[in-house]
């Protein structure tokens, strides 16, 4: 088995086959450090997406989908589906224009 000697950048202790420094507890494995950093960044992006507020129209239509009356709830579901359909069509049209202009 190969032994990897890694010197701790924090305290200077030589460590053998460890991810963390045995003296001060600092992460010395670069791969593990990058993995933890990626996970932290993904978590912050996920929380930012969850905290993002929807548009006023979308929020109004979603709020109506939780109404107690089934007729009003069905109406809001249909209107939301139509709203979403046209938003996708308009977005696709804009993307097609941009891609045609770019060549």
N, C-alpha and C. Protein backbone atom coordinates (compact mmCIF):
# COMPACT_ATOMS: atom_id res chain seq x y z
N UNK A 1 0.83 -1.18 0.00
CA UNK A 1 0.00 0.00 0.00
C UNK A 1 0.88 1.25 0.00
N UNK A 2 0.51 2.21 -0.80
CA UNK A 2 1.27 3.45 -0.89
C UNK A 2 0.95 4.35 0.29
N UNK A 3 1.97 4.96 0.82
CA UNK A 3 1.77 5.91 1.89
C UNK A 3 1.89 7.31 1.31
N UNK A 4 0.93 8.15 1.66
CA UNK A 4 1.01 9.53 1.20
C UNK A 4 1.28 10.41 2.40
N UNK A 5 2.38 11.10 2.31
CA UNK A 5 2.78 12.03 3.37
C UNK A 5 2.34 13.41 2.94
N UNK A 6 1.51 14.01 3.77
CA UNK A 6 1.02 15.35 3.46
C UNK A 6 1.35 16.26 4.64
N UNK A 7 1.95 17.39 4.32
CA UNK A 7 2.29 18.36 5.35
C UNK A 7 1.12 19.32 5.52
N UNK A 8 0.70 19.52 6.74
CA UNK A 8 -0.43 20.41 7.04
C UNK A 8 -0.03 21.86 6.76
N UNK A 9 -0.84 22.58 5.95
CA UNK A 9 -0.50 23.97 5.67
C UNK A 9 -0.72 24.89 6.87
N UNK A 10 -1.50 24.42 7.84
CA UNK A 10 -1.83 25.25 9.00
C UNK A 10 -0.76 25.15 10.10
N UNK A 11 -0.41 23.92 10.48
CA UNK A 11 0.51 23.77 11.61
C UNK A 11 1.85 23.14 11.22
N UNK A 12 1.97 22.58 9.99
CA UNK A 12 3.23 22.02 9.54
C UNK A 12 3.47 20.59 9.96
N UNK A 13 2.49 19.89 10.52
CA UNK A 13 2.65 18.51 10.96
C UNK A 13 2.62 17.58 9.76
N UNK A 14 3.50 16.57 9.74
CA UNK A 14 3.49 15.54 8.71
C UNK A 14 2.39 14.52 9.05
N UNK A 15 1.51 14.23 8.07
CA UNK A 15 0.43 13.29 8.26
C UNK A 15 0.55 12.18 7.23
N UNK A 16 0.21 10.96 7.63
CA UNK A 16 0.30 9.80 6.75
C UNK A 16 -1.10 9.26 6.51
N UNK A 17 -1.51 9.24 5.21
CA UNK A 17 -2.78 8.66 4.78
C UNK A 17 -3.98 9.20 5.58
N UNK A 18 -4.04 10.48 5.80
CA UNK A 18 -5.16 11.10 6.52
C UNK A 18 -5.80 12.17 5.66
N UNK A 19 -7.10 12.38 5.88
CA UNK A 19 -7.80 13.47 5.21
C UNK A 19 -7.74 14.75 6.04
N UNK A 20 -7.62 14.58 7.32
CA UNK A 20 -7.57 15.71 8.24
C UNK A 20 -6.27 15.65 9.03
N UNK A 21 -5.75 16.82 9.41
CA UNK A 21 -4.53 16.88 10.21
C UNK A 21 -4.80 16.28 11.59
N UNK A 22 -3.90 15.43 12.05
CA UNK A 22 -4.10 14.77 13.34
C UNK A 22 -3.88 15.73 14.51
N UNK A 23 -3.22 16.86 14.26
CA UNK A 23 -2.94 17.81 15.33
C UNK A 23 -4.01 18.90 15.43
N UNK A 24 -4.27 19.57 14.30
CA UNK A 24 -5.17 20.73 14.36
C UNK A 24 -6.54 20.48 13.72
N UNK A 25 -6.70 19.37 12.97
CA UNK A 25 -8.00 19.05 12.38
C UNK A 25 -8.30 19.73 11.06
N UNK A 26 -7.34 20.38 10.46
CA UNK A 26 -7.52 21.05 9.17
C UNK A 26 -7.62 20.01 8.06
N UNK A 27 -8.46 20.27 7.05
CA UNK A 27 -8.56 19.37 5.90
C UNK A 27 -7.27 19.49 5.09
N UNK A 28 -6.60 18.35 4.88
CA UNK A 28 -5.36 18.37 4.11
C UNK A 28 -5.50 17.61 2.80
N UNK A 29 -6.57 16.85 2.63
CA UNK A 29 -6.83 16.14 1.38
C UNK A 29 -7.48 17.12 0.41
N UNK A 30 -6.80 17.44 -0.67
CA UNK A 30 -7.26 18.45 -1.62
C UNK A 30 -8.55 18.00 -2.31
N UNK A 31 -8.64 16.72 -2.66
CA UNK A 31 -9.82 16.20 -3.34
C UNK A 31 -11.04 16.32 -2.44
N UNK A 32 -10.91 15.95 -1.19
CA UNK A 32 -12.00 16.06 -0.23
C UNK A 32 -12.39 17.52 -0.01
N UNK A 33 -11.41 18.38 0.06
CA UNK A 33 -11.66 19.81 0.25
C UNK A 33 -12.47 20.38 -0.92
N UNK A 34 -12.10 20.01 -2.15
CA UNK A 34 -12.82 20.49 -3.33
C UNK A 34 -14.24 19.92 -3.36
N UNK A 35 -14.38 18.66 -2.99
CA UNK A 35 -15.71 18.03 -2.97
C UNK A 35 -16.62 18.73 -1.97
N UNK A 36 -16.12 19.01 -0.79
CA UNK A 36 -16.91 19.70 0.23
C UNK A 36 -17.27 21.12 -0.22
N UNK A 37 -16.34 21.78 -0.90
CA UNK A 37 -16.60 23.13 -1.41
C UNK A 37 -17.68 23.11 -2.48
N UNK A 38 -17.63 22.11 -3.39
CA UNK A 38 -18.67 21.97 -4.42
C UNK A 38 -20.04 21.73 -3.80
N UNK A 39 -20.10 20.86 -2.80
CA UNK A 39 -21.36 20.57 -2.13
C UNK A 39 -21.91 21.82 -1.44
N UNK A 40 -21.03 22.61 -0.85
CA UNK A 40 -21.46 23.84 -0.17
C UNK A 40 -22.02 24.84 -1.19
N UNK A 41 -21.36 24.96 -2.34
CA UNK A 41 -21.83 25.88 -3.38
C UNK A 41 -23.18 25.43 -3.93
N UNK A 42 -23.33 24.11 -4.17
CA UNK A 42 -24.61 23.59 -4.65
C UNK A 42 -25.72 23.85 -3.65
N UNK A 43 -25.42 23.70 -2.38
CA UNK A 43 -26.43 23.92 -1.34
C UNK A 43 -26.85 25.39 -1.29
N UNK A 44 -25.90 26.31 -1.44
CA UNK A 44 -26.26 27.72 -1.42
C UNK A 44 -27.07 28.09 -2.66
N UNK A 45 -26.76 27.49 -3.83
CA UNK A 45 -27.56 27.74 -5.03
C UNK A 45 -28.96 27.20 -4.86
N UNK A 46 -29.09 26.03 -4.25
CA UNK A 46 -30.40 25.43 -4.04
C UNK A 46 -31.26 26.27 -3.11
N UNK A 47 -30.67 26.76 -2.03
CA UNK A 47 -31.43 27.60 -1.10
C UNK A 47 -31.80 28.93 -1.75
N UNK A 48 -30.92 29.45 -2.60
CA UNK A 48 -31.22 30.70 -3.30
C UNK A 48 -32.40 30.50 -4.26
N UNK A 49 -32.42 29.35 -4.95
CA UNK A 49 -33.54 29.05 -5.86
C UNK A 49 -34.84 28.87 -5.11
N UNK A 50 -34.78 28.26 -3.93
CA UNK A 50 -35.98 28.03 -3.14
C UNK A 50 -36.52 29.34 -2.56
N UNK A 51 -35.64 30.27 -2.24
CA UNK A 51 -36.06 31.55 -1.67
C UNK A 51 -36.48 32.56 -2.72
N UNK A 52 -36.27 32.22 -4.00
CA UNK A 52 -36.61 33.13 -5.08
C UNK A 52 -38.13 33.26 -5.19
N UNK A 53 -38.62 34.50 -5.28
CA UNK A 53 -40.06 34.73 -5.37
C UNK A 53 -40.53 34.58 -6.82
N UNK A 54 -41.69 33.94 -7.02
CA UNK A 54 -42.22 33.85 -8.38
C UNK A 54 -42.81 35.20 -8.81
N UNK A 55 -43.15 35.30 -10.10
CA UNK A 55 -43.75 36.55 -10.58
C UNK A 55 -45.11 36.73 -9.94
N UNK A 56 -45.64 37.94 -10.00
CA UNK A 56 -46.93 38.22 -9.37
C UNK A 56 -48.06 37.44 -10.02
N UNK A 57 -48.00 37.29 -11.34
CA UNK A 57 -49.05 36.54 -12.04
C UNK A 57 -48.97 35.07 -11.66
N UNK A 58 -47.77 34.51 -11.66
CA UNK A 58 -47.60 33.11 -11.29
C UNK A 58 -48.01 32.84 -9.86
N UNK A 59 -47.66 33.75 -8.96
CA UNK A 59 -48.04 33.59 -7.55
C UNK A 59 -49.55 33.65 -7.39
N UNK A 60 -50.20 34.56 -8.12
CA UNK A 60 -51.66 34.69 -8.06
C UNK A 60 -52.34 33.41 -8.55
N UNK A 61 -51.84 32.87 -9.67
CA UNK A 61 -52.44 31.67 -10.24
C UNK A 61 -52.18 30.45 -9.35
N UNK A 62 -51.01 30.34 -8.78
CA UNK A 62 -50.71 29.23 -7.87
C UNK A 62 -51.55 29.31 -6.60
N UNK A 63 -51.78 30.52 -6.13
CA UNK A 63 -52.59 30.71 -4.93
C UNK A 63 -54.04 30.28 -5.20
N UNK A 64 -54.53 30.56 -6.40
CA UNK A 64 -55.89 30.17 -6.76
C UNK A 64 -56.06 28.67 -6.90
N UNK A 65 -54.96 27.95 -7.19
CA UNK A 65 -55.04 26.50 -7.31
C UNK A 65 -55.29 25.81 -5.98
N UNK A 66 -55.13 26.51 -4.88
CA UNK A 66 -55.37 25.94 -3.55
C UNK A 66 -56.69 26.40 -2.95
N UNK A 67 -57.57 26.94 -3.78
CA UNK A 67 -58.86 27.44 -3.30
C UNK A 67 -59.74 26.28 -2.84
N UNK A 68 -60.66 26.56 -1.91
CA UNK A 68 -61.53 25.51 -1.37
C UNK A 68 -62.62 25.08 -2.34
N UNK A 69 -63.06 25.98 -3.22
CA UNK A 69 -64.10 25.66 -4.19
C UNK A 69 -63.47 24.95 -5.39
N UNK A 70 -64.03 23.80 -5.77
CA UNK A 70 -63.43 22.99 -6.83
C UNK A 70 -63.54 23.66 -8.19
N UNK A 71 -64.60 24.42 -8.43
CA UNK A 71 -64.78 25.09 -9.72
C UNK A 71 -63.72 26.17 -9.90
N UNK A 72 -63.51 26.96 -8.87
CA UNK A 72 -62.49 28.02 -8.92
C UNK A 72 -61.10 27.39 -9.05
N UNK A 73 -60.87 26.30 -8.32
CA UNK A 73 -59.58 25.62 -8.38
C UNK A 73 -59.32 25.10 -9.80
N UNK A 74 -60.34 24.49 -10.44
CA UNK A 74 -60.19 23.98 -11.81
C UNK A 74 -59.94 25.13 -12.79
N UNK A 75 -60.66 26.24 -12.61
CA UNK A 75 -60.47 27.40 -13.47
C UNK A 75 -59.02 27.91 -13.39
N UNK A 76 -58.50 28.02 -12.18
CA UNK A 76 -57.14 28.50 -12.01
C UNK A 76 -56.12 27.52 -12.58
N UNK A 77 -56.37 26.23 -12.48
CA UNK A 77 -55.46 25.24 -13.06
C UNK A 77 -55.41 25.38 -14.57
N UNK A 78 -56.58 25.58 -15.20
CA UNK A 78 -56.62 25.74 -16.65
C UNK A 78 -55.92 27.03 -17.06
N UNK A 79 -56.19 28.12 -16.36
CA UNK A 79 -55.57 29.40 -16.69
C UNK A 79 -54.05 29.32 -16.49
N UNK A 80 -53.60 28.64 -15.43
CA UNK A 80 -52.17 28.49 -15.20
C UNK A 80 -51.53 27.67 -16.32
N UNK A 81 -52.19 26.61 -16.79
CA UNK A 81 -51.66 25.79 -17.88
C UNK A 81 -51.54 26.62 -19.15
N UNK A 82 -52.55 27.44 -19.44
CA UNK A 82 -52.51 28.30 -20.63
C UNK A 82 -51.38 29.32 -20.49
N UNK A 83 -51.26 29.93 -19.31
CA UNK A 83 -50.20 30.90 -19.04
C UNK A 83 -48.82 30.27 -19.25
N UNK A 84 -48.63 29.07 -18.73
CA UNK A 84 -47.35 28.38 -18.85
C UNK A 84 -47.07 28.04 -20.32
N UNK A 85 -48.08 27.59 -21.05
CA UNK A 85 -47.92 27.24 -22.46
C UNK A 85 -47.45 28.44 -23.27
N UNK A 86 -48.12 29.57 -23.09
CA UNK A 86 -47.72 30.75 -23.85
C UNK A 86 -46.36 31.29 -23.41
N UNK A 87 -46.02 31.15 -22.16
CA UNK A 87 -44.69 31.56 -21.71
C UNK A 87 -43.61 30.73 -22.38
N UNK A 88 -43.85 29.43 -22.52
CA UNK A 88 -42.89 28.55 -23.18
C UNK A 88 -42.79 28.89 -24.67
N UNK A 89 -43.93 29.14 -25.31
CA UNK A 89 -43.93 29.48 -26.74
C UNK A 89 -43.18 30.78 -26.99
N UNK A 90 -43.46 31.80 -26.19
CA UNK A 90 -42.80 33.09 -26.36
C UNK A 90 -41.30 32.96 -26.08
N UNK A 91 -40.93 32.20 -25.04
CA UNK A 91 -39.51 31.98 -24.74
C UNK A 91 -38.81 31.26 -25.88
N UNK A 92 -39.46 30.26 -26.45
CA UNK A 92 -38.88 29.55 -27.59
C UNK A 92 -38.74 30.44 -28.82
N UNK A 93 -39.70 31.30 -29.03
CA UNK A 93 -39.64 32.24 -30.15
C UNK A 93 -38.48 33.21 -29.98
N UNK A 94 -38.29 33.72 -28.78
CA UNK A 94 -37.18 34.63 -28.51
C UNK A 94 -35.84 33.90 -28.70
N UNK A 95 -35.76 32.65 -28.23
CA UNK A 95 -34.53 31.87 -28.40
C UNK A 95 -34.26 31.61 -29.88
N UNK A 96 -35.30 31.37 -30.67
CA UNK A 96 -35.12 31.13 -32.11
C UNK A 96 -34.62 32.39 -32.81
N UNK A 97 -35.14 33.54 -32.43
CA UNK A 97 -34.69 34.80 -33.03
C UNK A 97 -33.22 35.06 -32.69
N UNK A 98 -32.87 34.83 -31.44
CA UNK A 98 -31.48 35.08 -31.01
C UNK A 98 -30.53 34.12 -31.73
N UNK A 99 -30.92 32.84 -31.84
CA UNK A 99 -30.04 31.89 -32.51
C UNK A 99 -29.93 32.17 -34.01
N UNK A 100 -31.01 32.67 -34.62
CA UNK A 100 -30.95 33.03 -36.04
C UNK A 100 -30.05 34.25 -36.24
N UNK A 101 -30.11 35.18 -35.30
CA UNK A 101 -29.28 36.38 -35.41
C UNK A 101 -27.80 36.04 -35.18
N UNK A 102 -27.55 35.05 -34.32
CA UNK A 102 -26.17 34.69 -34.03
C UNK A 102 -25.54 33.91 -35.18
N UNK A 103 -26.38 33.28 -35.97
CA UNK A 103 -25.84 32.58 -37.14
C UNK A 103 -25.73 31.16 -36.89
